[in-house]
Protein backbone atom coordinates (compact mmCIF):
# COMPACT_ATOMS: atom_id res chain seq x y z
CA MET A 1 -9.50 -2.49 12.45
CA ARG A 2 -10.29 -0.25 9.03
CA VAL A 3 -7.24 -0.26 6.65
CA ILE A 4 -6.98 1.95 3.33
CA VAL A 5 -5.18 0.02 0.93
CA ALA A 6 -4.20 2.06 -2.27
CA ILE A 7 -3.09 0.13 -5.45
CA THR A 8 -0.81 2.46 -7.94
CA GLY A 9 0.67 1.82 -10.90
CA ALA A 10 3.76 -0.05 -10.45
CA SER A 11 4.72 -3.70 -10.35
CA GLY A 12 3.81 -5.70 -7.42
CA ALA A 13 0.00 -5.73 -7.26
CA ILE A 14 0.35 -9.41 -5.72
CA TYR A 15 1.51 -7.58 -2.63
CA ALA A 16 -1.65 -5.63 -2.19
CA LEU A 17 -4.03 -8.72 -2.96
CA ARG A 18 -2.08 -10.97 -0.25
CA LEU A 19 -2.24 -7.83 2.14
CA ILE A 20 -6.05 -7.34 1.36
CA GLU A 21 -6.48 -11.27 1.89
CA GLU A 22 -4.62 -11.28 5.32
CA LEU A 23 -6.53 -8.20 6.29
CA LYS A 24 -9.69 -9.92 5.58
CA LYS A 25 -8.89 -12.77 7.63
CA LYS A 26 -8.49 -10.67 10.68
CA GLU A 27 -11.72 -9.40 9.87
CA CYS A 28 -10.68 -5.63 9.17
CA GLU A 29 -12.69 -3.37 7.21
CA VAL A 30 -10.70 -2.70 4.25
CA HIS A 31 -11.17 0.32 1.48
CA VAL A 32 -9.23 0.35 -1.72
CA ILE A 33 -8.14 3.22 -3.83
CA LEU A 34 -7.48 1.83 -7.31
CA THR A 35 -5.25 4.16 -9.72
CA GLU A 36 -6.15 3.57 -13.40
CA TYR A 37 -2.51 2.24 -14.09
CA GLY A 38 -2.76 0.34 -10.72
CA LYS A 39 -5.91 -1.39 -12.52
CA LYS A 40 -4.12 -2.43 -15.66
CA ILE A 41 -1.10 -3.75 -13.81
CA MET A 42 -3.10 -5.94 -11.42
CA GLU A 43 -5.06 -7.38 -14.01
CA HIS A 44 -2.22 -7.88 -16.21
CA GLU A 45 0.27 -9.38 -13.30
CA THR A 46 -2.49 -11.38 -11.37
CA ASP A 47 -5.57 -11.84 -13.71
CA VAL A 48 -7.56 -10.39 -10.94
CA GLU A 49 -10.31 -7.99 -12.26
CA GLU A 50 -11.66 -4.95 -10.51
CA GLU A 51 -15.20 -6.77 -10.07
CA GLU A 52 -13.48 -9.60 -8.14
CA LEU A 53 -11.62 -6.86 -6.12
CA GLU A 54 -14.62 -5.12 -5.30
CA ASN A 55 -15.95 -8.57 -3.74
CA MET A 56 -12.95 -8.91 -1.42
CA VAL A 57 -13.38 -5.34 0.18
CA GLU A 58 -15.69 -2.87 1.75
CA ARG A 59 -15.39 -0.64 -1.37
CA VAL A 60 -13.10 0.46 -4.30
CA TYR A 61 -12.68 3.96 -4.62
CA HIS A 62 -11.06 5.58 -7.92
CA GLU A 63 -7.95 8.11 -8.21
CA ASN A 64 -10.29 10.73 -9.20
CA ASP A 65 -13.25 10.38 -6.50
CA MET A 66 -11.89 13.62 -4.82
CA ASP A 67 -15.33 13.70 -3.14
CA SER A 68 -15.16 10.51 -1.42
CA PRO A 69 -14.95 10.11 2.38
CA LEU A 70 -11.25 9.15 2.09
CA ALA A 71 -10.27 12.59 0.92
CA SER A 72 -11.23 14.11 4.45
CA GLY A 73 -9.27 13.81 7.70
CA SER A 74 -12.68 13.02 9.49
CA PHE A 75 -12.84 9.84 7.79
CA PHE A 76 -11.52 7.55 10.46
CA TYR A 77 -9.11 4.83 9.98
CA ASP A 78 -6.36 3.16 11.68
CA ALA A 79 -3.77 2.75 9.01
CA MET A 80 -2.84 3.40 5.19
CA VAL A 81 -0.74 1.32 2.80
CA VAL A 82 -0.01 2.43 -0.47
CA VAL A 83 1.28 -0.97 -2.09
CA PRO A 84 2.66 -1.04 -4.42
CA CYS A 85 3.61 2.70 -4.43
CA SER A 86 4.56 4.16 -7.70
CA LEU A 87 7.50 6.95 -7.80
CA ARG A 88 4.93 9.15 -9.35
CA THR A 89 2.66 8.73 -6.26
CA LEU A 90 5.56 8.85 -3.90
CA GLY A 91 6.74 12.04 -5.77
CA GLY A 92 3.15 13.45 -5.39
CA ILE A 93 3.03 12.68 -1.34
CA ALA A 94 6.46 14.20 -1.02
CA SER A 95 5.28 17.30 -2.64
CA GLY A 96 2.36 17.81 -0.66
CA ILE A 97 0.13 18.39 -3.71
CA PRO A 98 -3.08 16.44 -3.64
CA SER A 99 -3.77 15.79 -7.17
CA SER A 100 -5.43 12.52 -6.58
CA LEU A 101 -7.19 10.74 -4.06
CA VAL A 102 -4.34 8.35 -3.10
CA ILE A 103 -2.28 11.29 -2.70
CA ARG A 104 -4.94 13.26 -0.76
CA ALA A 105 -5.80 10.36 1.32
CA SER A 106 -2.02 9.99 2.07
CA LEU A 107 -1.59 13.73 3.00
CA CYS A 108 -4.44 13.10 5.37
CA ALA A 109 -3.17 10.16 6.89
CA LEU A 110 0.10 12.35 7.73
CA LYS A 111 -1.84 15.32 9.02
CA GLU A 112 -4.00 13.15 11.49
CA GLU A 113 -0.70 11.38 12.54
CA ARG A 114 -2.22 7.89 11.20
CA LYS A 115 -0.06 5.13 10.20
CA LEU A 116 1.14 5.57 6.49
CA VAL A 117 3.10 2.78 5.11
CA LEU A 118 4.34 3.16 1.58
CA VAL A 119 5.80 0.24 -0.47
CA PRO A 120 7.84 1.29 -3.22
CA ARG A 121 8.63 -1.56 -6.00
CA GLU A 122 11.54 0.16 -8.36
CA THR A 123 14.88 -0.55 -8.82
CA PRO A 124 17.33 1.09 -9.28
CA LEU A 125 16.43 4.41 -7.65
CA ASP A 126 17.40 7.83 -8.83
CA LEU A 127 18.32 10.49 -6.49
CA ILE A 128 15.26 12.30 -6.97
CA SER A 129 13.21 9.29 -5.86
CA LEU A 130 15.62 8.84 -2.66
CA GLU A 131 15.18 12.23 -1.74
CA ASN A 132 11.55 12.10 -2.05
CA MET A 133 11.59 8.78 0.46
CA VAL A 134 13.63 10.93 2.75
CA ARG A 135 11.05 13.48 2.65
CA VAL A 136 7.73 11.46 3.53
CA ARG A 137 9.88 9.51 6.17
CA ARG A 138 10.60 12.93 7.64
CA ALA A 139 6.78 13.60 7.44
CA GLY A 140 5.86 10.58 9.42
CA ALA A 141 5.31 7.85 6.84
CA VAL A 142 6.98 4.57 6.80
CA VAL A 143 9.03 3.90 3.55
CA LEU A 144 9.00 -0.10 3.19
CA PRO A 145 10.41 -1.14 -0.19
CA ALA A 146 9.41 -4.54 -1.55
CA MET A 147 12.76 -6.25 -0.73
CA PRO A 148 12.11 -9.53 0.29
CA ALA A 149 14.75 -11.47 2.84
CA PHE A 150 16.36 -15.03 2.09
CA TYR A 151 17.12 -15.69 5.81
CA HIS A 152 13.81 -17.89 5.95
CA LYS A 153 14.78 -19.70 2.89
CA PRO A 154 11.53 -19.36 0.79
CA GLY A 155 10.78 -21.96 -1.26
CA ASP A 156 8.62 -20.15 -3.88
CA ILE A 157 7.49 -16.89 -4.99
CA ASN A 158 4.39 -17.12 -2.26
CA GLU A 159 6.95 -17.00 0.44
CA LEU A 160 8.87 -14.19 -1.03
CA VAL A 161 5.49 -12.16 -1.28
CA ASN A 162 4.46 -13.39 2.48
CA TYR A 163 7.77 -11.95 3.73
CA VAL A 164 6.76 -8.42 2.22
CA VAL A 165 3.38 -8.62 3.41
CA GLY A 166 4.57 -9.61 7.05
CA LYS A 167 6.53 -6.53 7.11
CA ILE A 168 3.69 -4.49 6.18
CA MET A 169 1.36 -6.25 8.90
CA GLU A 170 3.94 -5.42 11.39
CA GLN A 171 4.11 -1.90 10.84
CA ILE A 172 0.22 -1.47 11.00
CA LYS A 173 0.74 -3.69 14.34
CA MET A 174 -1.19 -6.86 12.98
CA PRO A 175 -0.06 -10.16 14.19
CA HIS A 176 0.60 -12.70 11.54
CA ASN A 177 2.50 -15.78 10.70
CA LEU A 178 3.62 -15.23 7.20
CA TYR A 179 7.25 -15.93 7.74
CA LYS A 180 9.67 -17.29 9.97
CA ARG A 181 11.45 -14.73 11.83
CA TRP A 182 15.20 -14.49 12.23
CA GLU A 183 16.07 -16.91 15.43
């Protein structure tokens, strides 16, 4: 399975890194789009630097790499996950204006009817952002806010992260044992 993971400038880079770790365990080919602010937040929140990320995945692209293969609908992949998805990126996708590689690749996913999962991590939400979520959902994207549950009685932050990553994995049809399901 080939998956694109886009890391944008919202808090929650830990979700992206954990997702990449799980995808690599499943022997997936992972391509990453790292925005400028995504890089800053990733390095601040996790101490993972871009060089380390490059060693984890097939290739890392930047938001202005508009001539990359990911900017074309002819680049085949099974799913794209934008995690964390900044509200700026969400708004760009909702407006359909491909001003960055993340937005262009997301629009390609929608037009090619590939799985697109957007993981916003913001609270509270303003009306414009909620309307943008409705717009992208109507266009075919899955909107999966980073909202961990507590019925599985998480014991630490890793279990909270695993819950959200497990939900992402389910959306892209990847089996996992990241949390105990409701029984």
